[in-house]
């Protein structure tokens, strides 16, 4: 069975047998036990366990969401639309994460060899 996510992407749901196998694997993993309702009831705030000074230091080191400060370059990249053959796109994507940066580098070497 599959369901459709808000994005329109189809998500295949596991069968009952697959789900049982997944749950058996979770139950057998001693390094990641399932958190029970009792464990949640015994949970205490971090400040109570670690102390307010430690929590304050940890919170001070916490990075805010979004881009790190100062990461925006003076000359940002410009989004473009380029039409390429499907096999070319697949070959580019198959090189893994960062493929768009590698395309940029390839174009730079080809058309701007002096840089």
N, C-alpha and C. Protein backbone atom coordinates (compact mmCIF):
# COMPACT_ATOMS: atom_id res chain seq x y z
N UNK A 1 0.85 -1.18 0.00
CA UNK A 1 0.00 0.00 0.00
C UNK A 1 0.89 1.24 0.00
N UNK A 2 0.43 2.29 -0.64
CA UNK A 2 1.19 3.54 -0.62
C UNK A 2 0.24 4.68 -0.30
N UNK A 3 0.82 5.72 0.28
CA UNK A 3 0.06 6.93 0.57
C UNK A 3 0.75 8.08 -0.14
N UNK A 4 0.04 9.17 -0.31
CA UNK A 4 0.60 10.35 -0.96
C UNK A 4 0.85 11.42 0.08
N UNK A 5 2.10 11.88 0.18
CA UNK A 5 2.47 12.93 1.11
C UNK A 5 1.96 14.28 0.60
N UNK A 6 1.99 15.30 1.46
CA UNK A 6 1.54 16.63 1.06
C UNK A 6 2.31 17.13 -0.16
N UNK A 7 3.56 16.73 -0.27
CA UNK A 7 4.39 17.17 -1.39
C UNK A 7 4.00 16.50 -2.70
N UNK A 8 3.13 15.48 -2.61
CA UNK A 8 2.74 14.73 -3.81
C UNK A 8 3.56 13.48 -4.00
N UNK A 9 4.57 13.29 -3.16
CA UNK A 9 5.45 12.13 -3.26
C UNK A 9 4.73 10.89 -2.75
N UNK A 10 4.84 9.79 -3.46
CA UNK A 10 4.24 8.53 -3.05
C UNK A 10 5.16 7.86 -2.01
N UNK A 11 4.57 7.42 -0.91
CA UNK A 11 5.32 6.75 0.14
C UNK A 11 4.76 5.34 0.28
N UNK A 12 5.62 4.36 0.10
CA UNK A 12 5.19 2.96 0.21
C UNK A 12 5.18 2.55 1.67
N UNK A 13 4.06 2.08 2.15
CA UNK A 13 3.93 1.65 3.53
C UNK A 13 4.36 0.19 3.63
N UNK A 14 4.99 -0.19 4.75
CA UNK A 14 5.42 -1.58 4.89
C UNK A 14 4.21 -2.51 5.06
N UNK A 15 4.39 -3.74 4.63
CA UNK A 15 3.35 -4.74 4.84
C UNK A 15 3.35 -5.13 6.31
N UNK A 16 2.36 -5.90 6.74
CA UNK A 16 2.29 -6.34 8.14
C UNK A 16 3.53 -7.17 8.50
N UNK A 17 3.98 -8.01 7.57
CA UNK A 17 5.17 -8.84 7.83
C UNK A 17 6.42 -7.97 7.94
N UNK A 18 6.56 -6.99 7.04
CA UNK A 18 7.71 -6.08 7.10
C UNK A 18 7.69 -5.26 8.39
N UNK A 19 6.50 -4.81 8.78
CA UNK A 19 6.35 -4.02 10.00
C UNK A 19 6.74 -4.85 11.23
N UNK A 20 6.31 -6.11 11.25
CA UNK A 20 6.65 -7.01 12.36
C UNK A 20 8.17 -7.22 12.44
N UNK A 21 8.81 -7.36 11.29
CA UNK A 21 10.27 -7.55 11.25
C UNK A 21 10.98 -6.30 11.75
N UNK A 22 10.49 -5.13 11.35
CA UNK A 22 11.08 -3.85 11.81
C UNK A 22 10.96 -3.74 13.33
N UNK A 23 9.76 -4.02 13.85
CA UNK A 23 9.53 -3.92 15.29
C UNK A 23 10.36 -4.93 16.07
N UNK A 24 10.56 -6.13 15.52
CA UNK A 24 11.40 -7.13 16.17
C UNK A 24 12.85 -6.65 16.23
N UNK A 25 13.30 -6.01 15.17
CA UNK A 25 14.66 -5.46 15.16
C UNK A 25 14.83 -4.35 16.18
N UNK A 26 13.82 -3.52 16.32
CA UNK A 26 13.87 -2.44 17.32
C UNK A 26 13.92 -3.03 18.72
N UNK A 27 13.08 -4.02 18.99
CA UNK A 27 13.02 -4.64 20.31
C UNK A 27 14.33 -5.35 20.67
N UNK A 28 15.02 -5.87 19.66
CA UNK A 28 16.27 -6.61 19.91
C UNK A 28 17.48 -5.70 20.08
N UNK A 29 17.35 -4.43 19.76
CA UNK A 29 18.48 -3.50 19.83
C UNK A 29 18.66 -2.99 21.26
N UNK A 30 19.66 -3.55 21.97
CA UNK A 30 19.89 -3.16 23.37
C UNK A 30 20.46 -1.75 23.49
N UNK A 31 21.07 -1.24 22.43
CA UNK A 31 21.67 0.10 22.48
C UNK A 31 20.65 1.22 22.32
N UNK A 32 19.46 0.89 21.85
CA UNK A 32 18.43 1.91 21.65
C UNK A 32 17.09 1.39 22.16
N UNK A 33 16.96 1.26 23.47
CA UNK A 33 15.69 0.72 23.99
C UNK A 33 14.54 1.69 23.76
N UNK A 34 13.36 1.14 23.64
CA UNK A 34 12.17 1.96 23.45
C UNK A 34 11.89 2.73 24.74
N UNK A 35 11.54 4.00 24.62
CA UNK A 35 11.24 4.81 25.79
C UNK A 35 9.79 4.54 26.19
N UNK A 36 9.63 4.14 27.43
CA UNK A 36 8.30 3.78 27.92
C UNK A 36 7.61 4.97 28.57
N UNK A 37 6.32 4.83 28.84
CA UNK A 37 5.58 5.87 29.55
C UNK A 37 6.18 6.10 30.93
N UNK A 38 6.62 5.01 31.58
CA UNK A 38 7.25 5.14 32.90
C UNK A 38 8.52 5.96 32.85
N UNK A 39 9.31 5.79 31.81
CA UNK A 39 10.54 6.56 31.67
C UNK A 39 10.22 8.04 31.48
N UNK A 40 9.19 8.33 30.70
CA UNK A 40 8.78 9.73 30.52
C UNK A 40 8.32 10.34 31.84
N UNK A 41 7.62 9.56 32.66
CA UNK A 41 7.14 10.07 33.96
C UNK A 41 8.29 10.35 34.91
N UNK A 42 9.39 9.57 34.79
CA UNK A 42 10.55 9.77 35.66
C UNK A 42 11.50 10.86 35.15
N UNK A 43 11.29 11.32 33.94
CA UNK A 43 12.17 12.33 33.34
C UNK A 43 12.13 13.62 34.15
N UNK A 44 13.31 14.27 34.22
CA UNK A 44 13.42 15.53 34.96
C UNK A 44 14.04 16.57 34.04
N UNK A 45 13.81 17.86 34.30
CA UNK A 45 14.39 18.91 33.47
C UNK A 45 15.92 18.86 33.51
N UNK A 46 16.55 19.24 32.41
CA UNK A 46 18.01 19.22 32.32
C UNK A 46 18.65 20.07 33.41
N UNK A 47 18.08 21.22 33.71
CA UNK A 47 18.65 22.11 34.74
C UNK A 47 18.66 21.43 36.10
N UNK A 48 17.67 20.60 36.35
CA UNK A 48 17.60 19.89 37.63
C UNK A 48 18.66 18.80 37.72
N UNK A 49 18.94 18.16 36.61
CA UNK A 49 19.90 17.05 36.58
C UNK A 49 21.33 17.57 36.47
N UNK A 50 21.57 18.50 35.55
CA UNK A 50 22.92 18.97 35.26
C UNK A 50 23.31 20.23 36.03
N UNK A 51 22.34 20.97 36.47
CA UNK A 51 22.62 22.25 37.12
C UNK A 51 22.42 23.39 36.14
N UNK A 52 22.02 24.52 36.68
CA UNK A 52 21.70 25.66 35.81
C UNK A 52 22.92 26.21 35.09
N UNK A 53 24.10 26.16 35.73
CA UNK A 53 25.31 26.68 35.07
C UNK A 53 25.65 25.88 33.82
N UNK A 54 25.60 24.56 33.93
CA UNK A 54 25.93 23.69 32.79
C UNK A 54 24.92 23.92 31.66
N UNK A 55 23.65 24.00 32.00
CA UNK A 55 22.62 24.21 30.97
C UNK A 55 22.81 25.58 30.31
N UNK A 56 23.16 26.59 31.09
CA UNK A 56 23.38 27.92 30.53
C UNK A 56 24.56 27.89 29.55
N UNK A 57 25.63 27.18 29.88
CA UNK A 57 26.78 27.08 28.98
C UNK A 57 26.40 26.33 27.70
N UNK A 58 25.63 25.26 27.85
CA UNK A 58 25.20 24.51 26.67
C UNK A 58 24.31 25.37 25.77
N UNK A 59 23.42 26.12 26.37
CA UNK A 59 22.53 26.98 25.58
C UNK A 59 23.30 28.11 24.90
N UNK A 60 24.36 28.60 25.54
CA UNK A 60 25.17 29.66 24.94
C UNK A 60 25.92 29.15 23.71
N UNK A 61 26.25 27.86 23.69
CA UNK A 61 26.98 27.27 22.56
C UNK A 61 26.05 26.89 21.42
N UNK A 62 24.76 26.88 21.69
CA UNK A 62 23.79 26.44 20.70
C UNK A 62 23.71 27.43 19.54
N UNK A 63 23.78 26.90 18.33
CA UNK A 63 23.70 27.73 17.13
C UNK A 63 22.25 27.98 16.79
N UNK A 64 21.94 29.17 16.32
CA UNK A 64 20.57 29.43 15.87
C UNK A 64 20.29 28.71 14.56
N UNK A 65 19.04 28.57 14.22
CA UNK A 65 18.66 27.94 12.96
C UNK A 65 19.05 28.82 11.79
N UNK A 66 19.20 28.21 10.63
CA UNK A 66 19.49 28.96 9.42
C UNK A 66 20.97 28.98 9.10
N UNK A 67 21.34 29.82 8.16
CA UNK A 67 22.74 29.93 7.75
C UNK A 67 23.58 30.50 8.86
N UNK A 68 24.81 30.01 9.01
CA UNK A 68 25.71 30.61 10.00
C UNK A 68 25.97 32.08 9.66
N UNK A 69 26.16 32.88 10.69
CA UNK A 69 26.43 34.31 10.49
C UNK A 69 27.69 34.48 9.64
N UNK A 70 27.64 35.39 8.71
CA UNK A 70 28.81 35.68 7.87
C UNK A 70 29.01 34.69 6.75
N UNK A 71 28.08 33.75 6.55
CA UNK A 71 28.29 32.75 5.50
C UNK A 71 27.85 33.22 4.13
N UNK A 72 27.14 34.31 4.07
CA UNK A 72 26.67 34.81 2.78
C UNK A 72 27.81 35.50 2.06
N UNK A 73 28.16 34.97 0.93
CA UNK A 73 29.27 35.52 0.15
C UNK A 73 28.84 36.85 -0.48
N UNK A 74 29.82 37.67 -0.79
CA UNK A 74 29.55 38.96 -1.44
C UNK A 74 28.89 38.73 -2.80
N UNK A 75 29.33 37.71 -3.51
CA UNK A 75 28.72 37.39 -4.80
C UNK A 75 28.03 36.03 -4.67
N UNK A 76 26.74 36.07 -4.41
CA UNK A 76 25.99 34.82 -4.24
C UNK A 76 25.71 34.20 -5.60
N UNK A 77 25.43 32.92 -5.61
CA UNK A 77 25.13 32.23 -6.85
C UNK A 77 23.72 32.57 -7.30
N UNK A 78 23.50 32.48 -8.60
CA UNK A 78 22.23 32.83 -9.19
C UNK A 78 21.53 31.56 -9.64
N UNK A 79 20.27 31.34 -9.21
CA UNK A 79 19.56 30.15 -9.69
C UNK A 79 19.19 30.31 -11.16
N UNK A 80 19.38 29.24 -11.93
CA UNK A 80 19.04 29.26 -13.36
C UNK A 80 18.29 27.97 -13.72
N UNK A 81 17.64 28.01 -14.86
CA UNK A 81 17.00 26.81 -15.39
C UNK A 81 17.73 26.43 -16.66
N UNK A 82 18.18 25.19 -16.72
CA UNK A 82 18.91 24.69 -17.89
C UNK A 82 18.25 23.38 -18.31
N UNK A 83 18.03 23.23 -19.60
CA UNK A 83 17.44 21.99 -20.10
C UNK A 83 18.57 21.07 -20.55
N UNK A 84 18.59 19.87 -19.98
CA UNK A 84 19.60 18.87 -20.34
C UNK A 84 18.90 17.55 -20.60
N UNK A 85 19.58 16.67 -21.31
CA UNK A 85 19.02 15.34 -21.58
C UNK A 85 18.91 14.56 -20.27
N UNK A 86 17.89 13.70 -20.17
CA UNK A 86 17.69 12.94 -18.94
C UNK A 86 18.90 12.10 -18.53
N UNK A 87 19.60 11.50 -19.51
CA UNK A 87 20.76 10.67 -19.16
C UNK A 87 21.91 11.52 -18.62
N UNK A 88 22.03 12.75 -19.11
CA UNK A 88 23.07 13.66 -18.61
C UNK A 88 22.76 14.03 -17.16
N UNK A 89 21.50 14.38 -16.91
CA UNK A 89 21.09 14.74 -15.55
C UNK A 89 21.30 13.57 -14.60
N UNK A 90 20.93 12.37 -15.02
CA UNK A 90 21.11 11.19 -14.17
C UNK A 90 22.59 10.96 -13.88
N UNK A 91 23.44 11.13 -14.88
CA UNK A 91 24.88 10.96 -14.67
C UNK A 91 25.41 11.98 -13.67
N UNK A 92 24.93 13.22 -13.76
CA UNK A 92 25.36 14.25 -12.81
C UNK A 92 24.90 13.91 -11.41
N UNK A 93 23.62 13.58 -11.26
CA UNK A 93 23.07 13.27 -9.94
C UNK A 93 23.69 12.02 -9.34
N UNK A 94 24.09 11.08 -10.18
CA UNK A 94 24.65 9.82 -9.68
C UNK A 94 26.01 10.04 -9.00
N UNK A 95 26.60 11.21 -9.18
CA UNK A 95 27.89 11.47 -8.52
C UNK A 95 27.69 11.81 -7.04
N UNK A 96 26.43 11.92 -6.60
CA UNK A 96 26.15 12.12 -5.19
C UNK A 96 25.94 13.56 -4.80
N UNK A 97 25.85 13.77 -3.49
CA UNK A 97 25.62 15.11 -2.95
C UNK A 97 26.71 16.06 -3.43
N UNK A 98 26.32 17.28 -3.71
CA UNK A 98 27.26 18.28 -4.20
C UNK A 98 27.41 18.31 -5.70
N UNK A 99 26.52 17.59 -6.39
CA UNK A 99 26.67 17.51 -7.85
C UNK A 99 26.50 18.88 -8.51
N UNK A 100 25.66 19.74 -7.95
CA UNK A 100 25.46 21.05 -8.56
C UNK A 100 26.73 21.91 -8.44
N UNK A 101 27.42 21.79 -7.32
CA UNK A 101 28.67 22.51 -7.14
C UNK A 101 29.71 22.00 -8.14
N UNK A 102 29.72 20.68 -8.36
CA UNK A 102 30.67 20.12 -9.34
C UNK A 102 30.35 20.60 -10.75
N UNK A 103 29.07 20.76 -11.08
CA UNK A 103 28.70 21.30 -12.39
C UNK A 103 29.21 22.73 -12.51
N UNK A 104 29.03 23.51 -11.45
CA UNK A 104 29.53 24.89 -11.45
C UNK A 104 31.05 24.92 -11.68
N UNK A 105 31.77 24.05 -10.98
CA UNK A 105 33.23 24.00 -11.13
C UNK A 105 33.62 23.58 -12.54
N UNK A 106 32.88 22.63 -13.10
CA UNK A 106 33.16 22.17 -14.46
C UNK A 106 32.96 23.29 -15.47
N UNK A 107 31.87 24.02 -15.33
CA UNK A 107 31.61 25.16 -16.23
C UNK A 107 32.65 26.25 -16.06
N UNK A 108 33.06 26.49 -14.84
CA UNK A 108 34.09 27.51 -14.58
C UNK A 108 35.40 27.13 -15.28
N UNK A 109 35.81 25.86 -15.16
CA UNK A 109 37.06 25.43 -15.80
C UNK A 109 36.97 25.53 -17.32
N UNK A 110 35.79 25.22 -17.86
CA UNK A 110 35.61 25.22 -19.32
C UNK A 110 35.56 26.64 -19.89
N UNK A 111 34.84 27.51 -19.25
CA UNK A 111 34.60 28.83 -19.82
C UNK A 111 35.40 29.96 -19.19
N UNK A 112 36.04 29.69 -18.09
CA UNK A 112 36.83 30.73 -17.41
C UNK A 112 38.17 30.12 -16.96
N UNK A 113 38.97 29.64 -17.91
CA UNK A 113 40.21 28.94 -17.54
C UNK A 113 41.23 29.82 -16.84
N UNK A 114 41.11 31.11 -16.97
CA UNK A 114 42.09 32.01 -16.35
C UNK A 114 41.84 32.17 -14.86
N UNK A 115 40.71 31.72 -14.34
CA UNK A 115 40.40 31.88 -12.91
C UNK A 115 40.83 30.70 -12.13
